[in-house]
Amino acid sequence: MNKRQLFNALAFAAVVSLTACGEDKPAFHGVDITGADYAQGWELSDQNGQVRTLKDFSGKVVIVFFGYTQCPDVCPTTMQEMVEVKRLLGPDGDRVQSVFITIDPERDTANLLQQYMASFDPGFVALRPSPQQLPQVTKAFKIYYKKIEGKSTTSYTMDHSAGSFTFDPQGRVRLYNRYGSGAQALAEDVKILLKAR
């Protein structure tokens, strides 16, 4: 093989490899964590006392967010974004499931979680880990949380990670969505996942 033939062969290989990369990698707004060995699911009670797992939502894109009902800003903003995502998707909005996991089971009773979900969307699911389950599930998702004492025993706040996780309809974790990315960007990512096989 002469130099010209070698050059042509290498150039062709480079084009094929670039084409393959382009086809395999969707252009997500969120951070692509496809294949991650964390955020693999849960087995927790919901706001109605029913034990739920990721498999319960098979066929839907599932967006998981950790927070607490007395959160002053990040949590309600994120929940409102989930409402907007469903609206932006139109009929496909029914193929998205928002799941809120409380990091404050001490104050977030099942009744309070029912009211909180209903104030955003009655189809949203809240999960309430027991105090024993909370460290396990947050570790499994690599979520940071810390109780910040207040003036009284019940007036504390919670520091916590503010992003969310998106699972595809097959139950695989695909994206980490940074807080404040916006409903439009998330809706576009959900559209890609709904079309993917």
C-alpha atoms as a PDB file:
ATOM      1  CA  MET A   1       0.000   0.000   0.000  1.00  0.00           C
ATOM      2  CA  ASN A   2       1.503   3.345  -1.063  1.00  0.00           C
ATOM      3  CA  LYS A   3       1.262   6.581   0.946  1.00  0.00           C
ATOM      4  CA  ARG A   4      -1.744   7.848  -0.997  1.00  0.00           C
ATOM      5  CA  GLN A   5      -3.706   4.625  -0.467  1.00  0.00           C
ATOM      6  CA  LEU A   6      -2.787   4.655   3.232  1.00  0.00           C
ATOM      7  CA  PHE A   7      -3.934   8.277   3.554  1.00  0.00           C
ATOM      8  CA  ASN A   8      -7.256   7.487   1.815  1.00  0.00           C
ATOM      9  CA  ALA A   9      -7.834   4.446   4.043  1.00  0.00           C
ATOM     10  CA  LEU A  10      -7.161   6.471   7.197  1.00  0.00           C
ATOM     11  CA  ALA A  11      -9.404   9.316   6.015  1.00  0.00           C
ATOM     12  CA  PHE A  12     -12.233   6.872   5.256  1.00  0.00           C
ATOM     13  CA  ALA A  13     -11.844   5.251   8.699  1.00  0.00           C
ATOM     14  CA  ALA A  14     -11.997   8.667  10.377  1.00  0.00           C
ATOM     15  CA  VAL A  15     -15.206   9.606   8.514  1.00  0.00           C
ATOM     16  CA  VAL A  16     -16.846   6.279   9.396  1.00  0.00           C
ATOM     17  CA  SER A  17     -15.872   6.681  13.043  1.00  0.00           C
ATOM     18  CA  LEU A  18     -17.206  10.261  13.204  1.00  0.00           C
ATOM     19  CA  THR A  19     -20.442   9.219  11.527  1.00  0.00           C
ATOM     20  CA  ALA A  20     -20.897   6.392  14.014  1.00  0.00           C
ATOM     21  CA  CYS A  21     -20.304   8.745  16.952  1.00  0.00           C
ATOM     22  CA  GLY A  22     -22.839  11.202  15.608  1.00  0.00           C
ATOM     23  CA  GLU A  23     -25.518   8.543  15.224  1.00  0.00           C
ATOM     24  CA  ASP A  24     -25.043   7.027  18.686  1.00  0.00           C
ATOM     25  CA  LYS A  25     -24.987  10.218  20.742  1.00  0.00           C
ATOM     26  CA  PRO A  26     -28.223  12.259  20.989  1.00  0.00           C
ATOM     27  CA  ALA A  27     -27.766  15.993  21.620  1.00  0.00           C
ATOM     28  CA  PHE A  28     -29.175  16.267  25.155  1.00  0.00           C
ATOM     29  CA  HIS A  29     -29.410  19.484  27.160  1.00  0.00           C
ATOM     30  CA  GLY A  30     -28.951  17.505  30.385  1.00  0.00           C
ATOM     31  CA  VAL A  31     -25.778  15.695  31.413  1.00  0.00           C
ATOM     32  CA  ASP A  32     -25.742  12.291  29.704  1.00  0.00           C
ATOM     33  CA  ILE A  33     -25.097   9.647  32.391  1.00  0.00           C
ATOM     34  CA  THR A  34     -26.213   6.668  30.297  1.00  0.00           C
ATOM     35  CA  GLY A  35     -24.669   3.505  31.726  1.00  0.00           C
ATOM     36  CA  ALA A  36     -24.059   5.001  35.200  1.00  0.00           C
ATOM     37  CA  ASP A  37     -23.740   2.453  38.017  1.00  0.00           C
ATOM     38  CA  TYR A  38     -25.790   4.596  40.412  1.00  0.00           C
ATOM     39  CA  ALA A  39     -29.402   5.873  40.481  1.00  0.00           C
ATOM     40  CA  GLN A  40     -30.690   2.402  39.627  1.00  0.00           C
ATOM     41  CA  GLY A  41     -34.106   2.640  41.254  1.00  0.00           C
ATOM     42  CA  TRP A  42     -35.893   2.351  44.596  1.00  0.00           C
ATOM     43  CA  GLU A  43     -38.472   0.477  46.660  1.00  0.00           C
ATOM     44  CA  LEU A  44     -40.264   3.075  48.776  1.00  0.00           C
ATOM     45  CA  SER A  45     -43.761   3.924  50.009  1.00  0.00           C
ATOM     46  CA  ASP A  46     -45.640   6.656  48.161  1.00  0.00           C
ATOM     47  CA  GLN A  47     -47.948   9.327  49.576  1.00  0.00           C
ATOM     48  CA  ASN A  48     -50.790   6.796  49.647  1.00  0.00           C
ATOM     49  CA  GLY A  49     -48.823   4.125  51.514  1.00  0.00           C
ATOM     50  CA  GLN A  50     -48.292   1.948  48.422  1.00  0.00           C
ATOM     51  CA  VAL A  51     -44.785   0.527  47.884  1.00  0.00           C
ATOM     52  CA  ARG A  52     -43.516   1.731  44.509  1.00  0.00           C
ATOM     53  CA  THR A  53     -40.542   0.801  42.343  1.00  0.00           C
ATOM     54  CA  LEU A  54     -39.168   2.156  39.079  1.00  0.00           C
ATOM     55  CA  LYS A  55     -40.800  -0.772  37.241  1.00  0.00           C
ATOM     56  CA  ASP A  56     -44.234   0.637  38.125  1.00  0.00           C
ATOM     57  CA  PHE A  57     -43.631   3.342  35.522  1.00  0.00           C
ATOM     58  CA  SER A  58     -42.345   1.142  32.700  1.00  0.00           C
ATOM     59  CA  GLY A  59     -43.025   2.734  29.309  1.00  0.00           C
ATOM     60  CA  LYS A  60     -42.790   6.279  30.680  1.00  0.00           C
ATOM     61  CA  VAL A  61     -39.958   8.751  30.994  1.00  0.00           C
ATOM     62  CA  VAL A  62     -39.476   9.156  34.759  1.00  0.00           C
ATOM     63  CA  ILE A  63     -38.010  12.321  36.288  1.00  0.00           C
ATOM     64  CA  VAL A  64     -36.837  11.946  39.894  1.00  0.00           C
ATOM     65  CA  PHE A  65     -36.190  14.876  42.207  1.00  0.00           C
ATOM     66  CA  PHE A  66     -35.148  14.922  45.888  1.00  0.00           C
ATOM     67  CA  GLY A  67     -36.513  17.684  48.111  1.00  0.00           C
ATOM     68  CA  TYR A  68     -38.883  18.528  50.954  1.00  0.00           C
ATOM     69  CA  THR A  69     -42.244  20.231  51.231  1.00  0.00           C
ATOM     70  CA  GLN A  70     -41.044  23.168  53.355  1.00  0.00           C
ATOM     71  CA  CYS A  71     -38.298  24.057  50.886  1.00  0.00           C
ATOM     72  CA  PRO A  72     -38.690  27.785  50.171  1.00  0.00           C
ATOM     73  CA  ASP A  73     -37.510  28.000  46.552  1.00  0.00           C
ATOM     74  CA  VAL A  74     -35.679  25.171  44.750  1.00  0.00           C
ATOM     75  CA  CYS A  75     -38.315  22.468  45.296  1.00  0.00           C
ATOM     76  CA  PRO A  76     -41.456  24.392  44.311  1.00  0.00           C
ATOM     77  CA  THR A  77     -39.615  25.867  41.312  1.00  0.00           C
ATOM     78  CA  THR A  78     -38.586  22.382  40.151  1.00  0.00           C
ATOM     79  CA  MET A  79     -42.083  20.981  40.688  1.00  0.00           C
ATOM     80  CA  GLN A  80     -43.564  23.829  38.666  1.00  0.00           C
ATOM     81  CA  GLU A  81     -41.069  23.060  35.891  1.00  0.00           C
ATOM     82  CA  MET A  82     -42.367  19.469  35.867  1.00  0.00           C
ATOM     83  CA  VAL A  83     -45.896  20.835  35.361  1.00  0.00           C
ATOM     84  CA  GLU A  84     -44.636  22.973  32.476  1.00  0.00           C
ATOM     85  CA  VAL A  85     -42.781  20.030  30.898  1.00  0.00           C
ATOM     86  CA  LYS A  86     -46.032  18.064  30.746  1.00  0.00           C
ATOM     87  CA  ARG A  87     -47.814  21.051  29.201  1.00  0.00           C
ATOM     88  CA  LEU A  88     -45.096  21.544  26.572  1.00  0.00           C
ATOM     89  CA  LEU A  89     -45.298  17.883  25.569  1.00  0.00           C
ATOM     90  CA  GLY A  90     -49.024  18.035  24.866  1.00  0.00           C
ATOM     91  CA  PRO A  91     -50.518  14.518  24.518  1.00  0.00           C
ATOM     92  CA  ASP A  92     -47.084  12.995  25.260  1.00  0.00           C
ATOM     93  CA  GLY A  93     -47.208  14.626  28.699  1.00  0.00           C
ATOM     94  CA  ASP A  94     -49.087  11.550  29.907  1.00  0.00           C
ATOM     95  CA  ARG A  95     -45.976   9.503  29.121  1.00  0.00           C
ATOM     96  CA  VAL A  96     -43.905  11.394  31.717  1.00  0.00           C
ATOM     97  CA  GLN A  97     -43.919  10.557  35.422  1.00  0.00           C
ATOM     98  CA  SER A  98     -42.583  13.008  38.006  1.00  0.00           C
ATOM     99  CA  VAL A  99     -41.357  11.395  41.230  1.00  0.00           C
ATOM    100  CA  PHE A 100     -40.529  13.492  44.305  1.00  0.00           C
ATOM    101  CA  ILE A 101     -38.479  11.776  47.050  1.00  0.00           C
ATOM    102  CA  THR A 102     -38.550  13.588  50.369  1.00  0.00           C
ATOM    103  CA  ILE A 103     -35.327  14.073  52.315  1.00  0.00           C
ATOM    104  CA  ASP A 104     -37.396  15.191  55.341  1.00  0.00           C
ATOM    105  CA  PRO A 105     -39.580  12.201  56.304  1.00  0.00           C
ATOM    106  CA  GLU A 106     -39.718  13.534  59.858  1.00  0.00           C
ATOM    107  CA  ARG A 107     -42.014  16.417  58.839  1.00  0.00           C
ATOM    108  CA  ASP A 108     -43.229  15.218  55.432  1.00  0.00           C
ATOM    109  CA  THR A 109     -46.068  12.963  56.487  1.00  0.00           C
ATOM    110  CA  ALA A 110     -48.020  10.987  53.905  1.00  0.00           C
ATOM    111  CA  ASN A 111     -50.940  13.425  54.282  1.00  0.00           C
ATOM    112  CA  LEU A 112     -48.706  16.456  53.729  1.00  0.00           C
ATOM    113  CA  LEU A 113     -47.126  14.821  50.665  1.00  0.00           C
ATOM    114  CA  GLN A 114     -50.595  14.110  49.248  1.00  0.00           C
ATOM    115  CA  GLN A 115     -51.482  17.800  49.549  1.00  0.00           C
ATOM    116  CA  TYR A 116     -48.143  18.933  48.146  1.00  0.00           C
ATOM    117  CA  MET A 117     -48.388  16.724  45.049  1.00  0.00           C
ATOM    118  CA  ALA A 118     -52.022  17.713  44.476  1.00  0.00           C
ATOM    119  CA  SER A 119     -51.032  21.396  44.498  1.00  0.00           C
ATOM    120  CA  PHE A 120     -48.879  20.759  41.408  1.00  0.00           C
ATOM    121  CA  ASP A 121     -50.359  17.754  39.578  1.00  0.00           C
ATOM    122  CA  PRO A 122     -52.491  14.931  40.973  1.00  0.00           C
ATOM    123  CA  GLY A 123     -50.527  12.469  38.829  1.00  0.00           C
ATOM    124  CA  PHE A 124     -47.206  13.288  40.499  1.00  0.00           C
ATOM    125  CA  VAL A 125     -45.874  10.681  42.933  1.00  0.00           C
ATOM    126  CA  ALA A 126     -44.144  11.434  46.233  1.00  0.00           C
ATOM    127  CA  LEU A 127     -41.994   8.811  47.917  1.00  0.00           C
ATOM    128  CA  ARG A 128     -41.336   8.824  51.645  1.00  0.00           C
ATOM    129  CA  PRO A 129     -38.295   6.836  52.786  1.00  0.00           C
ATOM    130  CA  SER A 130     -38.213   5.813  56.421  1.00  0.00           C
ATOM    131  CA  PRO A 131     -35.436   7.458  58.477  1.00  0.00           C
ATOM    132  CA  GLN A 132     -33.518   4.177  58.032  1.00  0.00           C
ATOM    133  CA  GLN A 133     -34.053   4.082  54.247  1.00  0.00           C
ATOM    134  CA  LEU A 134     -33.152   7.738  53.639  1.00  0.00           C
ATOM    135  CA  PRO A 135     -29.337   7.368  53.911  1.00  0.00           C
ATOM    136  CA  GLN A 136     -29.475   4.295  51.654  1.00  0.00           C
ATOM    137  CA  VAL A 137     -31.551   5.863  48.861  1.00  0.00           C
ATOM    138  CA  THR A 138     -29.626   9.154  48.873  1.00  0.00           C
ATOM    139  CA  LYS A 139     -26.336   7.254  48.727  1.00  0.00           C
ATOM    140  CA  ALA A 140     -27.679   5.141  45.840  1.00  0.00           C
ATOM    141  CA  PHE A 141     -28.431   8.371  43.917  1.00  0.00           C
ATOM    142  CA  LYS A 142     -25.316  10.255  45.138  1.00  0.00           C
ATOM    143  CA  ILE A 143     -27.547  12.921  46.691  1.00  0.00           C
ATOM    144  CA  TYR A 144     -26.233  15.319  49.319  1.00  0.00           C
ATOM    145  CA  TYR A 145     -28.522  16.444  52.149  1.00  0.00           C
ATOM    146  CA  LYS A 146     -27.957  17.998  55.554  1.00  0.00           C
ATOM    147  CA  LYS A 147     -30.266  19.213  58.309  1.00  0.00           C
ATOM    148  CA  ILE A 148     -29.660  22.846  59.288  1.00  0.00           C
ATOM    149  CA  GLU A 149     -30.961  23.508  62.796  1.00  0.00           C
ATOM    150  CA  GLY A 150     -33.422  26.387  63.263  1.00  0.00           C
ATOM    151  CA  LYS A 151     -34.644  28.381  66.262  1.00  0.00           C
ATOM    152  CA  SER A 152     -36.892  25.516  67.325  1.00  0.00           C
ATOM    153  CA  THR A 153     -36.827  21.738  66.854  1.00  0.00           C
ATOM    154  CA  THR A 154     -39.342  21.968  63.999  1.00  0.00           C
ATOM    155  CA  SER A 155     -38.068  25.099  62.225  1.00  0.00           C
ATOM    156  CA  TYR A 156     -34.996  23.530  60.654  1.00  0.00           C
ATOM    157  CA  THR A 157     -34.200  23.653  56.944  1.00  0.00           C
ATOM    158  CA  MET A 158     -32.514  21.104  54.686  1.00  0.00           C
ATOM    159  CA  ASP A 159     -29.543  21.681  52.402  1.00  0.00           C
ATOM    160  CA  HIS A 160     -29.685  19.281  49.467  1.00  0.00           C
ATOM    161  CA  SER A 161     -28.639  18.553  45.901  1.00  0.00           C
ATOM    162  CA  ALA A 162     -30.933  20.397  43.508  1.00  0.00           C
ATOM    163  CA  GLY A 163     -30.712  18.435  40.256  1.00  0.00           C
ATOM    164  CA  SER A 164     -33.009  15.727  38.941  1.00  0.00           C
ATOM    165  CA  PHE A 165     -32.531  12.357  37.248  1.00  0.00           C
ATOM    166  CA  THR A 166     -34.277  11.261  34.060  1.00  0.00           C
ATOM    167  CA  PHE A 167     -34.959   7.606  33.237  1.00  0.00           C
ATOM    168  CA  ASP A 168     -35.955   6.389  29.777  1.00  0.00           C
ATOM    169  CA  PRO A 169     -39.105   4.277  29.143  1.00  0.00           C
ATOM    170  CA  GLN A 170     -37.027   1.104  29.591  1.00  0.00           C
ATOM    171  CA  GLY A 171     -36.081   2.148  33.144  1.00  0.00           C
ATOM    172  CA  ARG A 172     -32.453   3.096  32.421  1.00  0.00           C
ATOM    173  CA  VAL A 173     -31.020   6.228  34.013  1.00  0.00           C
ATOM    174  CA  ARG A 174     -30.018   8.542  31.162  1.00  0.00           C
ATOM    175  CA  LEU A 175     -29.678  12.154  32.309  1.00  0.00           C
ATOM    176  CA  TYR A 176     -28.772  14.357  35.223  1.00  0.00           C
ATOM    177  CA  ASN A 177     -30.579  17.684  34.896  1.00  0.00           C
ATOM    178  CA  ARG A 178     -29.009  20.664  36.623  1.00  0.00           C
ATOM    179  CA  TYR A 179     -31.300  22.937  38.612  1.00  0.00           C
ATOM    180  CA  GLY A 180     -32.470  25.925  36.589  1.00  0.00           C
ATOM    181  CA  SER A 181     -32.006  24.337  33.151  1.00  0.00           C
ATOM    182  CA  GLY A 182     -35.615  25.196  32.334  1.00  0.00           C
ATOM    183  CA  ALA A 183     -38.724  23.305  31.293  1.00  0.00           C
ATOM    184  CA  GLN A 184     -38.117  23.776  27.555  1.00  0.00           C
ATOM    185  CA  ALA A 185     -34.715  22.070  27.647  1.00  0.00           C
ATOM    186  CA  LEU A 186     -36.063  19.204  29.750  1.00  0.00           C
ATOM    187  CA  ALA A 187     -39.091  18.754  27.480  1.00  0.00           C
ATOM    188  CA  GLU A 188     -36.801  18.513  24.440  1.00  0.00           C
ATOM    189  CA  ASP A 189     -34.716  15.834  26.178  1.00  0.00           C
ATOM    190  CA  VAL A 190     -37.865  13.919  27.119  1.00  0.00           C
ATOM    191  CA  LYS A 191     -38.980  13.968  23.451  1.00  0.00           C
ATOM    192  CA  ILE A 192     -35.693  12.346  22.438  1.00  0.00           C
ATOM    193  CA  LEU A 193     -36.070   9.635  25.086  1.00  0.00           C
ATOM    194  CA  LEU A 194     -39.678   8.929  24.128  1.00  0.00           C
ATOM    195  CA  LYS A 195     -38.589   8.282  20.528  1.00  0.00           C
ATOM    196  CA  ALA A 196     -35.564   6.162  21.455  1.00  0.00           C
ATOM    197  CA  ARG A 197     -35.721   2.396  21.689  1.00  0.00           C
END
